[in-house]
């Protein structure tokens, strides 16, 4: 963390779950922290909760290239978390998702290069892998924009799965339904999703900042659980059964998510730090480089999915939920 002392660190979309957690991690550092986002209300709430802290708040939109060029002056590092993130929103308004998640990141990288920013860490999602919805497609293109960028600013991506308790995720919805004695609405009981603590995402984002090279992709290898296991974990905690209502899979949703394609698994370097399992996938050096027929290996490995990763039972899932301080 000494590398950040005296530096200016900006978080786009900084009023979200990741931005709040990163600020809490860095507040005691002698560094200037900047939250850049469109949401006035969330910025106000953050200011109230962090009075007298060295944080600057700027209202703005990553679609506005000229504004970014002004805001990024003298910034050392950027965590790019701004995005339209809800799958149904993307299905209904794909053109808006393109404007923010694809063209917006292009604006961020170009403005960062113009202003001499040292490094940009782009936050991505498992939905970018084999995407079937507009949100996932936009994040996949965003990763490609980052990987293809050429300039003095180092640009790389961090991809991770479902963060427990993040805005729009299923766990806060279940807890709200429990508090109101309503049935738990389940898309499909056998659907699987990755399980990740927000602190782990923040720690690996900082690892990317310190060690990442241009074009790198870092991926957190998370465990997963079935949706029915998540409800069983809550029943263990509250010591009672809940009524459940199956509502079916929404447009753009998958039964299982993927964090690494078979190609990426083959090229990945497995690493562990602070009990976090993750991989680094270096940028492919040439268009013709073939990773699948080197040495004796002749078959492609399996992709890394929420169906074939370590699957948590109800007790393990409950313990992870408790670690997230949601219960």
C-alpha atoms as a PDB file:
ATOM      1  CA  UNK A   1       0.000   0.000   0.000  1.00  0.00           C
ATOM      2  CA  UNK A   2       3.013   2.298   0.325  1.00  0.00           C
ATOM      3  CA  UNK A   3       2.917   2.736  -3.449  1.00  0.00           C
ATOM      4  CA  UNK A   4      -0.300   4.748  -3.077  1.00  0.00           C
ATOM      5  CA  UNK A   5       0.932   7.283  -0.509  1.00  0.00           C
ATOM      6  CA  UNK A   6       0.717  10.771  -1.985  1.00  0.00           C
ATOM      7  CA  UNK A   7      -1.087   9.543  -5.106  1.00  0.00           C
ATOM      8  CA  UNK A   8      -4.397  10.673  -6.613  1.00  0.00           C
ATOM      9  CA  UNK A   9      -6.754   7.725  -7.085  1.00  0.00           C
ATOM     10  CA  UNK A  10     -10.031   8.099  -8.961  1.00  0.00           C
ATOM     11  CA  UNK A  11     -12.942   5.643  -9.010  1.00  0.00           C
ATOM     12  CA  UNK A  12     -15.480   5.936 -11.820  1.00  0.00           C
ATOM     13  CA  UNK A  13     -18.868   4.751 -10.645  1.00  0.00           C
ATOM     14  CA  UNK A  14     -17.411   5.209  -7.189  1.00  0.00           C
ATOM     15  CA  UNK A  15     -20.775   5.318  -5.391  1.00  0.00           C
ATOM     16  CA  UNK A  16     -21.387   1.603  -5.996  1.00  0.00           C
ATOM     17  CA  UNK A  17     -20.563  -1.342  -3.753  1.00  0.00           C
ATOM     18  CA  UNK A  18     -16.985  -1.635  -5.019  1.00  0.00           C
ATOM     19  CA  UNK A  19     -16.303   2.096  -4.704  1.00  0.00           C
ATOM     20  CA  UNK A  20     -17.543   2.211  -1.116  1.00  0.00           C
ATOM     21  CA  UNK A  21     -15.454  -0.810  -0.132  1.00  0.00           C
ATOM     22  CA  UNK A  22     -12.324   0.547  -1.839  1.00  0.00           C
ATOM     23  CA  UNK A  23     -12.712   3.906  -0.110  1.00  0.00           C
ATOM     24  CA  UNK A  24     -12.991   2.201   3.270  1.00  0.00           C
ATOM     25  CA  UNK A  25      -9.788   0.315   2.473  1.00  0.00           C
ATOM     26  CA  UNK A  26      -7.844   3.408   1.450  1.00  0.00           C
ATOM     27  CA  UNK A  27      -9.219   6.142   3.726  1.00  0.00           C
ATOM     28  CA  UNK A  28      -6.360   5.955   6.213  1.00  0.00           C
ATOM     29  CA  UNK A  29      -3.750   6.326   3.496  1.00  0.00           C
ATOM     30  CA  UNK A  30      -2.109   9.655   2.805  1.00  0.00           C
ATOM     31  CA  UNK A  31      -3.623   9.717  -0.676  1.00  0.00           C
ATOM     32  CA  UNK A  32      -6.243  11.823  -2.441  1.00  0.00           C
ATOM     33  CA  UNK A  33      -9.336   9.811  -3.316  1.00  0.00           C
ATOM     34  CA  UNK A  34     -11.808  10.962  -5.971  1.00  0.00           C
ATOM     35  CA  UNK A  35     -15.308   9.594  -6.498  1.00  0.00           C
ATOM     36  CA  UNK A  36     -16.621  10.258 -10.002  1.00  0.00           C
ATOM     37  CA  UNK A  37     -20.225   9.263 -10.720  1.00  0.00           C
ATOM     38  CA  UNK A  38     -23.621  10.452 -11.968  1.00  0.00           C
ATOM     39  CA  UNK A  39     -25.569   9.797  -8.761  1.00  0.00           C
ATOM     40  CA  UNK A  40     -25.943  12.954  -6.672  1.00  0.00           C
ATOM     41  CA  UNK A  41     -27.945  11.241  -3.906  1.00  0.00           C
ATOM     42  CA  UNK A  42     -25.409   8.452  -3.392  1.00  0.00           C
ATOM     43  CA  UNK A  43     -22.546  10.940  -3.400  1.00  0.00           C
ATOM     44  CA  UNK A  44     -24.324  12.977  -0.730  1.00  0.00           C
ATOM     45  CA  UNK A  45     -24.846   9.874   1.408  1.00  0.00           C
ATOM     46  CA  UNK A  46     -21.177   8.950   1.075  1.00  0.00           C
ATOM     47  CA  UNK A  47     -20.097  12.455   2.104  1.00  0.00           C
ATOM     48  CA  UNK A  48     -22.325  12.363   5.183  1.00  0.00           C
ATOM     49  CA  UNK A  49     -20.888   8.987   6.227  1.00  0.00           C
ATOM     50  CA  UNK A  50     -17.290  10.053   5.671  1.00  0.00           C
ATOM     51  CA  UNK A  51     -17.118  13.595   7.029  1.00  0.00           C
ATOM     52  CA  UNK A  52     -13.649  15.133   7.345  1.00  0.00           C
ATOM     53  CA  UNK A  53     -12.114  12.435   5.180  1.00  0.00           C
ATOM     54  CA  UNK A  54      -9.777  13.161   2.277  1.00  0.00           C
ATOM     55  CA  UNK A  55     -12.282  12.325  -0.453  1.00  0.00           C
ATOM     56  CA  UNK A  56     -13.320  14.538  -3.352  1.00  0.00           C
ATOM     57  CA  UNK A  57     -16.683  14.021  -5.061  1.00  0.00           C
ATOM     58  CA  UNK A  58     -17.298  14.925  -8.696  1.00  0.00           C
ATOM     59  CA  UNK A  59     -20.600  14.608 -10.555  1.00  0.00           C
ATOM     60  CA  UNK A  60     -20.070  13.493 -14.121  1.00  0.00           C
ATOM     61  CA  UNK A  61     -20.701  10.890 -16.782  1.00  0.00           C
ATOM     62  CA  UNK A  62     -18.113   8.744 -18.570  1.00  0.00           C
ATOM     63  CA  UNK A  63     -20.044   9.432 -21.776  1.00  0.00           C
ATOM     64  CA  UNK A  64     -18.749  13.018 -21.573  1.00  0.00           C
ATOM     65  CA  UNK A  65     -15.234  12.812 -23.025  1.00  0.00           C
ATOM     66  CA  UNK A  66     -14.410  16.493 -22.438  1.00  0.00           C
ATOM     67  CA  UNK A  67     -15.369  16.271 -18.767  1.00  0.00           C
ATOM     68  CA  UNK A  68     -13.099  13.259 -18.303  1.00  0.00           C
ATOM     69  CA  UNK A  69     -10.156  15.147 -19.809  1.00  0.00           C
ATOM     70  CA  UNK A  70     -10.624  17.879 -17.218  1.00  0.00           C
ATOM     71  CA  UNK A  71     -11.195  15.548 -14.260  1.00  0.00           C
ATOM     72  CA  UNK A  72      -8.296  13.164 -14.978  1.00  0.00           C
ATOM     73  CA  UNK A  73      -5.608  15.841 -14.858  1.00  0.00           C
ATOM     74  CA  UNK A  74      -2.943  14.936 -12.263  1.00  0.00           C
ATOM     75  CA  UNK A  75      -4.671  11.611 -11.484  1.00  0.00           C
ATOM     76  CA  UNK A  76      -2.244   8.715 -10.990  1.00  0.00           C
ATOM     77  CA  UNK A  77      -4.521   5.661 -10.969  1.00  0.00           C
ATOM     78  CA  UNK A  78      -8.101   4.901 -12.044  1.00  0.00           C
ATOM     79  CA  UNK A  79     -10.409   2.086 -11.013  1.00  0.00           C
ATOM     80  CA  UNK A  80     -13.103   1.934 -13.675  1.00  0.00           C
ATOM     81  CA  UNK A  81     -16.304   0.631 -12.066  1.00  0.00           C
ATOM     82  CA  UNK A  82     -18.902   2.790 -13.850  1.00  0.00           C
ATOM     83  CA  UNK A  83     -21.372   0.719 -15.864  1.00  0.00           C
ATOM     84  CA  UNK A  84     -24.992  -0.033 -16.528  1.00  0.00           C
ATOM     85  CA  UNK A  85     -25.152  -3.408 -14.775  1.00  0.00           C
ATOM     86  CA  UNK A  86     -28.681  -4.784 -14.625  1.00  0.00           C
ATOM     87  CA  UNK A  87     -29.440  -7.540 -17.135  1.00  0.00           C
ATOM     88  CA  UNK A  88     -33.123  -6.547 -17.691  1.00  0.00           C
ATOM     89  CA  UNK A  89     -32.066  -2.929 -18.305  1.00  0.00           C
ATOM     90  CA  UNK A  90     -29.647  -4.085 -20.972  1.00  0.00           C
ATOM     91  CA  UNK A  91     -32.270  -6.234 -22.673  1.00  0.00           C
ATOM     92  CA  UNK A  92     -34.729  -3.319 -22.803  1.00  0.00           C
ATOM     93  CA  UNK A  93     -32.230  -0.557 -23.628  1.00  0.00           C
ATOM     94  CA  UNK A  94     -29.194  -2.117 -25.349  1.00  0.00           C
ATOM     95  CA  UNK A  95     -28.267   1.172 -27.017  1.00  0.00           C
ATOM     96  CA  UNK A  96     -27.801   2.782 -23.591  1.00  0.00           C
ATOM     97  CA  UNK A  97     -25.613  -0.080 -22.424  1.00  0.00           C
ATOM     98  CA  UNK A  98     -23.409   0.343 -25.499  1.00  0.00           C
ATOM     99  CA  UNK A  99     -23.046   4.088 -24.849  1.00  0.00           C
ATOM    100  CA  UNK A 100     -21.860   3.538 -21.267  1.00  0.00           C
ATOM    101  CA  UNK A 101     -20.176   0.136 -21.164  1.00  0.00           C
ATOM    102  CA  UNK A 102     -18.370   0.235 -24.521  1.00  0.00           C
ATOM    103  CA  UNK A 103     -18.000   3.821 -25.715  1.00  0.00           C
ATOM    104  CA  UNK A 104     -17.719   5.032 -22.116  1.00  0.00           C
ATOM    105  CA  UNK A 105     -14.691   2.876 -21.396  1.00  0.00           C
ATOM    106  CA  UNK A 106     -13.121   4.051 -24.645  1.00  0.00           C
ATOM    107  CA  UNK A 107     -13.538   7.621 -23.375  1.00  0.00           C
ATOM    108  CA  UNK A 108     -11.955   6.699 -20.038  1.00  0.00           C
ATOM    109  CA  UNK A 109      -8.876   5.125 -21.634  1.00  0.00           C
ATOM    110  CA  UNK A 110      -8.340   7.922 -24.142  1.00  0.00           C
ATOM    111  CA  UNK A 111      -8.718  10.628 -21.497  1.00  0.00           C
ATOM    112  CA  UNK A 112      -6.385   8.708 -19.166  1.00  0.00           C
ATOM    113  CA  UNK A 113      -3.721   8.550 -21.877  1.00  0.00           C
ATOM    114  CA  UNK A 114      -4.173  12.236 -22.678  1.00  0.00           C
ATOM    115  CA  UNK A 115      -3.763  13.196 -19.017  1.00  0.00           C
ATOM    116  CA  UNK A 116      -0.809  10.926 -18.240  1.00  0.00           C
ATOM    117  CA  UNK A 117      -2.610   8.521 -15.896  1.00  0.00           C
ATOM    118  CA  UNK A 118      -0.247   5.687 -14.966  1.00  0.00           C
ATOM    119  CA  UNK A 119      -2.702   2.785 -14.821  1.00  0.00           C
ATOM    120  CA  UNK A 120      -6.394   1.962 -15.343  1.00  0.00           C
ATOM    121  CA  UNK A 121      -7.967  -1.142 -13.784  1.00  0.00           C
ATOM    122  CA  UNK A 122     -11.238  -2.020 -15.514  1.00  0.00           C
ATOM    123  CA  UNK A 123     -13.753  -4.035 -13.480  1.00  0.00           C
ATOM    124  CA  UNK A 124     -15.541  -6.722 -15.476  1.00  0.00           C
ATOM    125  CA  UNK A 125     -17.951  -9.575 -14.829  1.00  0.00           C
ATOM    126  CA  UNK A 126     -18.508 -13.282 -15.439  1.00  0.00           C
ATOM    127  CA  UNK A 127     -21.365 -12.273 -17.738  1.00  0.00           C
ATOM    128  CA  UNK A 128     -18.741 -11.109 -20.248  1.00  0.00           C
ATOM    129  CA  UNK A 129     -17.842 -14.763 -20.913  1.00  0.00           C
ATOM    130  CA  UNK A 130     -19.921 -16.508 -23.600  1.00  0.00           C
ATOM    131  CA  UNK A 131     -22.421 -13.620 -23.285  1.00  0.00           C
ATOM    132  CA  UNK A 132     -26.085 -14.121 -24.084  1.00  0.00           C
ATOM    133  CA  UNK A 133     -27.367 -10.738 -22.919  1.00  0.00           C
ATOM    134  CA  UNK A 134     -26.649  -7.143 -23.897  1.00  0.00           C
ATOM    135  CA  UNK A 135     -24.968  -6.380 -20.576  1.00  0.00           C
ATOM    136  CA  UNK A 136     -22.556  -9.305 -20.940  1.00  0.00           C
ATOM    137  CA  UNK A 137     -21.853  -8.473 -24.579  1.00  0.00           C
ATOM    138  CA  UNK A 138     -21.055  -4.882 -23.678  1.00  0.00           C
ATOM    139  CA  UNK A 139     -18.673  -5.935 -20.898  1.00  0.00           C
ATOM    140  CA  UNK A 140     -16.978  -8.420 -23.231  1.00  0.00           C
ATOM    141  CA  UNK A 141     -16.417  -5.625 -25.738  1.00  0.00           C
ATOM    142  CA  UNK A 142     -15.193  -3.416 -22.906  1.00  0.00           C
ATOM    143  CA  UNK A 143     -12.566  -6.021 -22.052  1.00  0.00           C
ATOM    144  CA  UNK A 144     -11.509  -6.096 -25.705  1.00  0.00           C
ATOM    145  CA  UNK A 145     -11.192  -2.308 -25.784  1.00  0.00           C
ATOM    146  CA  UNK A 146      -8.914  -2.491 -22.736  1.00  0.00           C
ATOM    147  CA  UNK A 147      -6.804  -5.359 -24.082  1.00  0.00           C
ATOM    148  CA  UNK A 148      -6.328  -3.648 -27.463  1.00  0.00           C
ATOM    149  CA  UNK A 149      -5.397  -0.242 -26.038  1.00  0.00           C
ATOM    150  CA  UNK A 150      -1.921   0.966 -26.929  1.00  0.00           C
ATOM    151  CA  UNK A 151      -0.285   3.865 -25.162  1.00  0.00           C
ATOM    152  CA  UNK A 152       1.752   4.859 -22.133  1.00  0.00           C
ATOM    153  CA  UNK A 153      -1.147   4.281 -19.735  1.00  0.00           C
ATOM    154  CA  UNK A 154      -1.187   0.654 -18.533  1.00  0.00           C
ATOM    155  CA  UNK A 155      -4.691  -0.772 -18.971  1.00  0.00           C
ATOM    156  CA  UNK A 156      -5.909  -4.130 -17.685  1.00  0.00           C
ATOM    157  CA  UNK A 157      -9.102  -5.863 -16.529  1.00  0.00           C
ATOM    158  CA  UNK A 158     -10.275  -7.691 -13.415  1.00  0.00           C
ATOM    159  CA  UNK A 159     -13.150 -10.134 -13.947  1.00  0.00           C
ATOM    160  CA  UNK A 160     -15.146 -11.624 -11.108  1.00  0.00           C
ATOM    161  CA  UNK A 161     -18.516 -13.226 -10.390  1.00  0.00           C
ATOM    162  CA  UNK A 162     -21.429 -12.471  -8.093  1.00  0.00           C
ATOM    163  CA  UNK A 163     -20.472 -10.386  -5.049  1.00  0.00           C
ATOM    164  CA  UNK A 164     -22.548 -11.285  -2.008  1.00  0.00           C
ATOM    165  CA  UNK A 165     -24.861  -8.417  -1.135  1.00  0.00           C
ATOM    166  CA  UNK A 166     -24.013  -6.201  -4.095  1.00  0.00           C
ATOM    167  CA  UNK A 167     -26.764  -3.987  -5.428  1.00  0.00           C
ATOM    168  CA  UNK A 168     -29.191  -5.901  -7.601  1.00  0.00           C
ATOM    169  CA  UNK A 169     -28.004  -9.336  -6.424  1.00  0.00           C
ATOM    170  CA  UNK A 170     -30.384 -11.980  -5.102  1.00  0.00           C
ATOM    171  CA  UNK A 171     -29.327 -12.093  -1.440  1.00  0.00           C
ATOM    172  CA  UNK A 172     -30.558  -8.587  -0.488  1.00  0.00           C
ATOM    173  CA  UNK A 173     -33.805  -9.415  -2.306  1.00  0.00           C
ATOM    174  CA  UNK A 174     -34.253 -12.598  -0.264  1.00  0.00           C
ATOM    175  CA  UNK A 175     -33.525 -10.761   2.998  1.00  0.00           C
ATOM    176  CA  UNK A 176     -36.063  -8.072   2.118  1.00  0.00           C
ATOM    177  CA  UNK A 177     -38.685 -10.711   1.293  1.00  0.00           C
ATOM    178  CA  UNK A 178     -37.990 -12.473   4.594  1.00  0.00           C
ATOM    179  CA  UNK A 179     -38.380  -9.214   6.533  1.00  0.00           C
ATOM    180  CA  UNK A 180     -41.782  -8.687   4.896  1.00  0.00           C
ATOM    181  CA  UNK A 181     -42.889 -12.334   5.297  1.00  0.00           C
ATOM    182  CA  UNK A 182     -43.158 -12.753   1.546  1.00  0.00           C
ATOM    183  CA  UNK A 183     -42.303 -15.894  -0.456  1.00  0.00           C
ATOM    184  CA  UNK A 184     -38.744 -16.145  -1.747  1.00  0.00           C
ATOM    185  CA  UNK A 185     -38.889 -15.677  -5.525  1.00  0.00           C
ATOM    186  CA  UNK A 186     -36.613 -18.213  -7.196  1.00  0.00           C
ATOM    187  CA  UNK A 187     -35.754 -18.228 -10.892  1.00  0.00           C
ATOM    188  CA  UNK A 188     -34.671 -21.869 -10.916  1.00  0.00           C
ATOM    189  CA  UNK A 189     -33.586 -23.840  -7.805  1.00  0.00           C
ATOM    190  CA  UNK A 190     -30.724 -25.540  -9.701  1.00  0.00           C
ATOM    191  CA  UNK A 191     -29.269 -22.330 -11.131  1.00  0.00           C
ATOM    192  CA  UNK A 192     -25.701 -21.783  -9.916  1.00  0.00           C
ATOM    193  CA  UNK A 193     -23.892 -18.551  -9.179  1.00  0.00           C
ATOM    194  CA  UNK A 194     -20.360 -17.735  -8.028  1.00  0.00           C
ATOM    195  CA  UNK A 195     -19.918 -16.544  -4.440  1.00  0.00           C
ATOM    196  CA  UNK A 196     -17.458 -13.754  -3.687  1.00  0.00           C
ATOM    197  CA  UNK A 197     -16.792 -11.466  -0.740  1.00  0.00           C
ATOM    198  CA  UNK A 198     -16.485  -7.801  -1.652  1.00  0.00           C
ATOM    199  CA  UNK A 199     -13.244  -7.501   0.318  1.00  0.00           C
ATOM    200  CA  UNK A 200     -11.714 -10.172  -1.919  1.00  0.00           C
ATOM    201  CA  UNK A 201     -12.637  -8.221  -5.037  1.00  0.00           C
ATOM    202  CA  UNK A 202     -11.084  -5.060  -3.582  1.00  0.00           C
ATOM    203  CA  UNK A 203      -7.893  -6.870  -2.524  1.00  0.00           C
ATOM    204  CA  UNK A 204      -7.395  -8.347  -5.977  1.00  0.00           C
ATOM    205  CA  UNK A 205      -8.150  -4.999  -7.633  1.00  0.00           C
ATOM    206  CA  UNK A 206      -5.262  -3.540  -5.628  1.00  0.00           C
ATOM    207  CA  UNK A 207      -3.106  -6.508  -6.662  1.00  0.00           C
ATOM    208  CA  UNK A 208      -3.921  -5.634 -10.294  1.00  0.00           C
ATOM    209  CA  UNK A 209      -2.934  -2.049  -9.654  1.00  0.00           C
ATOM    210  CA  UNK A 210       0.441  -2.985  -8.188  1.00  0.00           C
ATOM    211  CA  UNK A 211       1.432  -5.901 -10.437  1.00  0.00           C
ATOM    212  CA  UNK A 212      -0.729  -5.871 -13.578  1.00  0.00           C
ATOM    213  CA  UNK A 213       0.768  -5.379 -17.017  1.00  0.00           C
ATOM    214  CA  UNK A 214      -0.926  -3.809 -20.020  1.00  0.00           C
ATOM    215  CA  UNK A 215      -3.538  -6.112 -21.543  1.00  0.00           C
ATOM    216  CA  UNK A 216      -3.591  -8.481 -18.552  1.00  0.00           C
ATOM    217  CA  UNK A 217      -6.797 -10.124 -17.421  1.00  0.00           C
ATOM    218  CA  UNK A 218      -7.056 -11.122 -13.755  1.00  0.00           C
ATOM    219  CA  UNK A 219      -9.852 -13.504 -12.733  1.00  0.00           C
ATOM    220  CA  UNK A 220     -10.921 -14.520  -9.226  1.00  0.00           C
ATOM    221  CA  UNK A 221     -11.623 -18.276  -9.040  1.00  0.00           C
ATOM    222  CA  UNK A 222     -14.650 -18.342  -6.770  1.00  0.00           C
ATOM    223  CA  UNK A 223     -16.729 -21.190  -5.337  1.00  0.00           C
ATOM    224  CA  UNK A 224     -20.434 -21.328  -6.182  1.00  0.00           C
ATOM    225  CA  UNK A 225     -23.759 -22.610  -4.918  1.00  0.00           C
ATOM    226  CA  UNK A 226     -27.183 -23.447  -6.277  1.00  0.00           C
ATOM    227  CA  UNK A 227     -29.988 -20.989  -5.606  1.00  0.00           C
ATOM    228  CA  UNK A 228     -31.788 -23.635  -3.545  1.00  0.00           C
ATOM    229  CA  UNK A 229     -28.635 -23.938  -1.395  1.00  0.00           C
ATOM    230  CA  UNK A 230     -28.730 -20.206  -0.765  1.00  0.00           C
ATOM    231  CA  UNK A 231     -32.316 -20.458   0.505  1.00  0.00           C
ATOM    232  CA  UNK A 232     -31.363 -23.449   2.665  1.00  0.00           C
ATOM    233  CA  UNK A 233     -28.516 -21.395   4.173  1.00  0.00           C
ATOM    234  CA  UNK A 234     -30.966 -18.657   5.117  1.00  0.00           C
ATOM    235  CA  UNK A 235     -33.316 -21.247   6.629  1.00  0.00           C
ATOM    236  CA  UNK A 236     -30.418 -22.540   8.725  1.00  0.00           C
ATOM    237  CA  UNK A 237     -29.742 -19.033   9.984  1.00  0.00           C
ATOM    238  CA  UNK A 238     -33.351 -18.080  10.747  1.00  0.00           C
ATOM    239  CA  UNK A 239     -34.200 -21.619  11.954  1.00  0.00           C
ATOM    240  CA  UNK A 240     -37.389 -21.854   9.924  1.00  0.00           C
ATOM    241  CA  UNK A 241     -38.625 -22.853   6.488  1.00  0.00           C
ATOM    242  CA  UNK A 242     -39.652 -20.225   3.933  1.00  0.00           C
ATOM    243  CA  UNK A 243     -42.322 -20.347   1.315  1.00  0.00           C
ATOM    244  CA  UNK A 244     -40.783 -20.297  -2.156  1.00  0.00           C
ATOM    245  CA  UNK A 245     -42.182 -19.279  -5.508  1.00  0.00           C
ATOM    246  CA  UNK A 246     -40.458 -20.305  -8.751  1.00  0.00           C
ATOM    247  CA  UNK A 247     -40.776 -17.475 -11.278  1.00  0.00           C
ATOM    248  CA  UNK A 248     -38.585 -18.821 -14.096  1.00  0.00           C
ATOM    249  CA  UNK A 249     -35.417 -17.529 -15.702  1.00  0.00           C
ATOM    250  CA  UNK A 250     -35.633 -13.938 -16.921  1.00  0.00           C
ATOM    251  CA  UNK A 251     -34.618 -12.911 -20.456  1.00  0.00           C
ATOM    252  CA  UNK A 252     -30.836 -12.793 -20.755  1.00  0.00           C
ATOM    253  CA  UNK A 253     -30.112 -15.001 -17.724  1.00  0.00           C
ATOM    254  CA  UNK A 254     -28.070 -18.215 -17.735  1.00  0.00           C
ATOM    255  CA  UNK A 255     -28.434 -21.361 -15.667  1.00  0.00           C
ATOM    256  CA  UNK A 256     -24.669 -21.288 -15.025  1.00  0.00           C
ATOM    257  CA  UNK A 257     -22.083 -18.522 -15.344  1.00  0.00           C
ATOM    258  CA  UNK A 258     -18.532 -18.815 -16.710  1.00  0.00           C
ATOM    259  CA  UNK A 259     -15.436 -17.009 -15.455  1.00  0.00           C
ATOM    260  CA  UNK A 260     -12.847 -18.419 -17.882  1.00  0.00           C
ATOM    261  CA  UNK A 261     -13.214 -19.769 -21.394  1.00  0.00           C
ATOM    262  CA  UNK A 262     -11.297 -22.915 -22.358  1.00  0.00           C
ATOM    263  CA  UNK A 263      -8.838 -20.719 -24.283  1.00  0.00           C
ATOM    264  CA  UNK A 264      -8.255 -18.532 -21.225  1.00  0.00           C
ATOM    265  CA  UNK A 265      -7.869 -21.533 -18.914  1.00  0.00           C
ATOM    266  CA  UNK A 266      -5.112 -22.846 -21.179  1.00  0.00           C
ATOM    267  CA  UNK A 267      -3.217 -19.544 -21.155  1.00  0.00           C
ATOM    268  CA  UNK A 268      -3.830 -18.720 -17.483  1.00  0.00           C
ATOM    269  CA  UNK A 269      -1.289 -18.658 -14.661  1.00  0.00           C
ATOM    270  CA  UNK A 270      -2.692 -19.912 -11.341  1.00  0.00           C
ATOM    271  CA  UNK A 271      -1.853 -17.763  -8.323  1.00  0.00           C
ATOM    272  CA  UNK A 272      -2.844 -17.495  -4.648  1.00  0.00           C
ATOM    273  CA  UNK A 273      -2.470 -14.529  -2.339  1.00  0.00           C
ATOM    274  CA  UNK A 274      -4.160 -13.746   0.989  1.00  0.00           C
ATOM    275  CA  UNK A 275      -6.191 -16.966   0.624  1.00  0.00           C
ATOM    276  CA  UNK A 276      -7.620 -15.719  -2.683  1.00  0.00           C
ATOM    277  CA  UNK A 277      -7.308 -18.072  -5.655  1.00  0.00           C
ATOM    278  CA  UNK A 278      -7.015 -16.212  -8.928  1.00  0.00           C
ATOM    279  CA  UNK A 279      -5.413 -16.407 -12.338  1.00  0.00           C
ATOM    280  CA  UNK A 280      -3.561 -14.014 -14.577  1.00  0.00           C
ATOM    281  CA  UNK A 281      -4.224 -14.319 -18.302  1.00  0.00           C
ATOM    282  CA  UNK A 282      -1.510 -12.395 -20.161  1.00  0.00           C
ATOM    283  CA  UNK A 283      -2.333 -10.546 -23.345  1.00  0.00           C
ATOM    284  CA  UNK A 284      -1.967 -12.794 -26.387  1.00  0.00           C
ATOM    285  CA  UNK A 285       1.187 -11.674 -28.151  1.00  0.00           C
ATOM    286  CA  UNK A 286       0.388 -12.495 -31.776  1.00  0.00           C
ATOM    287  CA  UNK A 287      -2.721 -13.164 -33.809  1.00  0.00           C
ATOM    288  CA  UNK A 288      -1.386 -16.542 -34.944  1.00  0.00           C
ATOM    289  CA  UNK A 289      -0.052 -17.800 -31.622  1.00  0.00           C
ATOM    290  CA  UNK A 290      -1.560 -21.233 -30.902  1.00  0.00           C
ATOM    291  CA  UNK A 291      -1.636 -22.303 -27.262  1.00  0.00           C
ATOM    292  CA  UNK A 292      -3.362 -25.635 -27.789  1.00  0.00           C
ATOM    293  CA  UNK A 293      -0.744 -27.726 -29.517  1.00  0.00           C
ATOM    294  CA  UNK A 294       2.375 -26.885 -27.542  1.00  0.00           C
ATOM    295  CA  UNK A 295       4.090 -29.777 -25.846  1.00  0.00           C
ATOM    296  CA  UNK A 296       1.981 -32.917 -25.529  1.00  0.00           C
ATOM    297  CA  UNK A 297      -1.382 -31.301 -24.931  1.00  0.00           C
ATOM    298  CA  UNK A 298      -3.826 -31.791 -27.801  1.00  0.00           C
ATOM    299  CA  UNK A 299      -7.206 -31.069 -26.271  1.00  0.00           C
ATOM    300  CA  UNK A 300      -8.737 -27.886 -24.999  1.00  0.00           C
ATOM    301  CA  UNK A 301      -9.349 -27.740 -21.235  1.00  0.00           C
ATOM    302  CA  UNK A 302     -12.821 -27.242 -19.827  1.00  0.00           C
ATOM    303  CA  UNK A 303     -14.002 -23.670 -19.183  1.00  0.00           C
ATOM    304  CA  UNK A 304     -14.198 -22.592 -15.537  1.00  0.00           C
ATOM    305  CA  UNK A 305     -17.898 -22.297 -14.645  1.00  0.00           C
ATOM    306  CA  UNK A 306     -20.206 -22.025 -11.657  1.00  0.00           C
ATOM    307  CA  UNK A 307     -21.273 -25.605 -12.456  1.00  0.00           C
ATOM    308  CA  UNK A 308     -17.792 -27.178 -12.290  1.00  0.00           C
ATOM    309  CA  UNK A 309     -16.079 -25.088  -9.604  1.00  0.00           C
ATOM    310  CA  UNK A 310     -16.140 -25.985  -5.896  1.00  0.00           C
ATOM    311  CA  UNK A 311     -19.831 -26.150  -4.960  1.00  0.00           C
ATOM    312  CA  UNK A 312     -20.681 -24.958  -1.438  1.00  0.00           C
ATOM    313  CA  UNK A 313     -23.308 -26.653   0.726  1.00  0.00           C
ATOM    314  CA  UNK A 314     -25.793 -24.718   2.874  1.00  0.00           C
ATOM    315  CA  UNK A 315     -23.524 -24.581   5.928  1.00  0.00           C
ATOM    316  CA  UNK A 316     -20.534 -23.307   3.931  1.00  0.00           C
ATOM    317  CA  UNK A 317     -22.721 -20.786   2.129  1.00  0.00           C
ATOM    318  CA  UNK A 318     -24.104 -19.484   5.418  1.00  0.00           C
ATOM    319  CA  UNK A 319     -20.597 -19.037   6.804  1.00  0.00           C
ATOM    320  CA  UNK A 320     -19.622 -16.997   3.749  1.00  0.00           C
ATOM    321  CA  UNK A 321     -22.749 -14.855   4.086  1.00  0.00           C
ATOM    322  CA  UNK A 322     -21.847 -14.157   7.704  1.00  0.00           C
ATOM    323  CA  UNK A 323     -18.351 -13.114   6.646  1.00  0.00           C
ATOM    324  CA  UNK A 324     -19.957 -10.543   4.342  1.00  0.00           C
ATOM    325  CA  UNK A 325     -21.694  -8.961   7.377  1.00  0.00           C
ATOM    326  CA  UNK A 326     -25.098  -9.219   5.752  1.00  0.00           C
ATOM    327  CA  UNK A 327     -26.605 -11.163   8.658  1.00  0.00           C
END
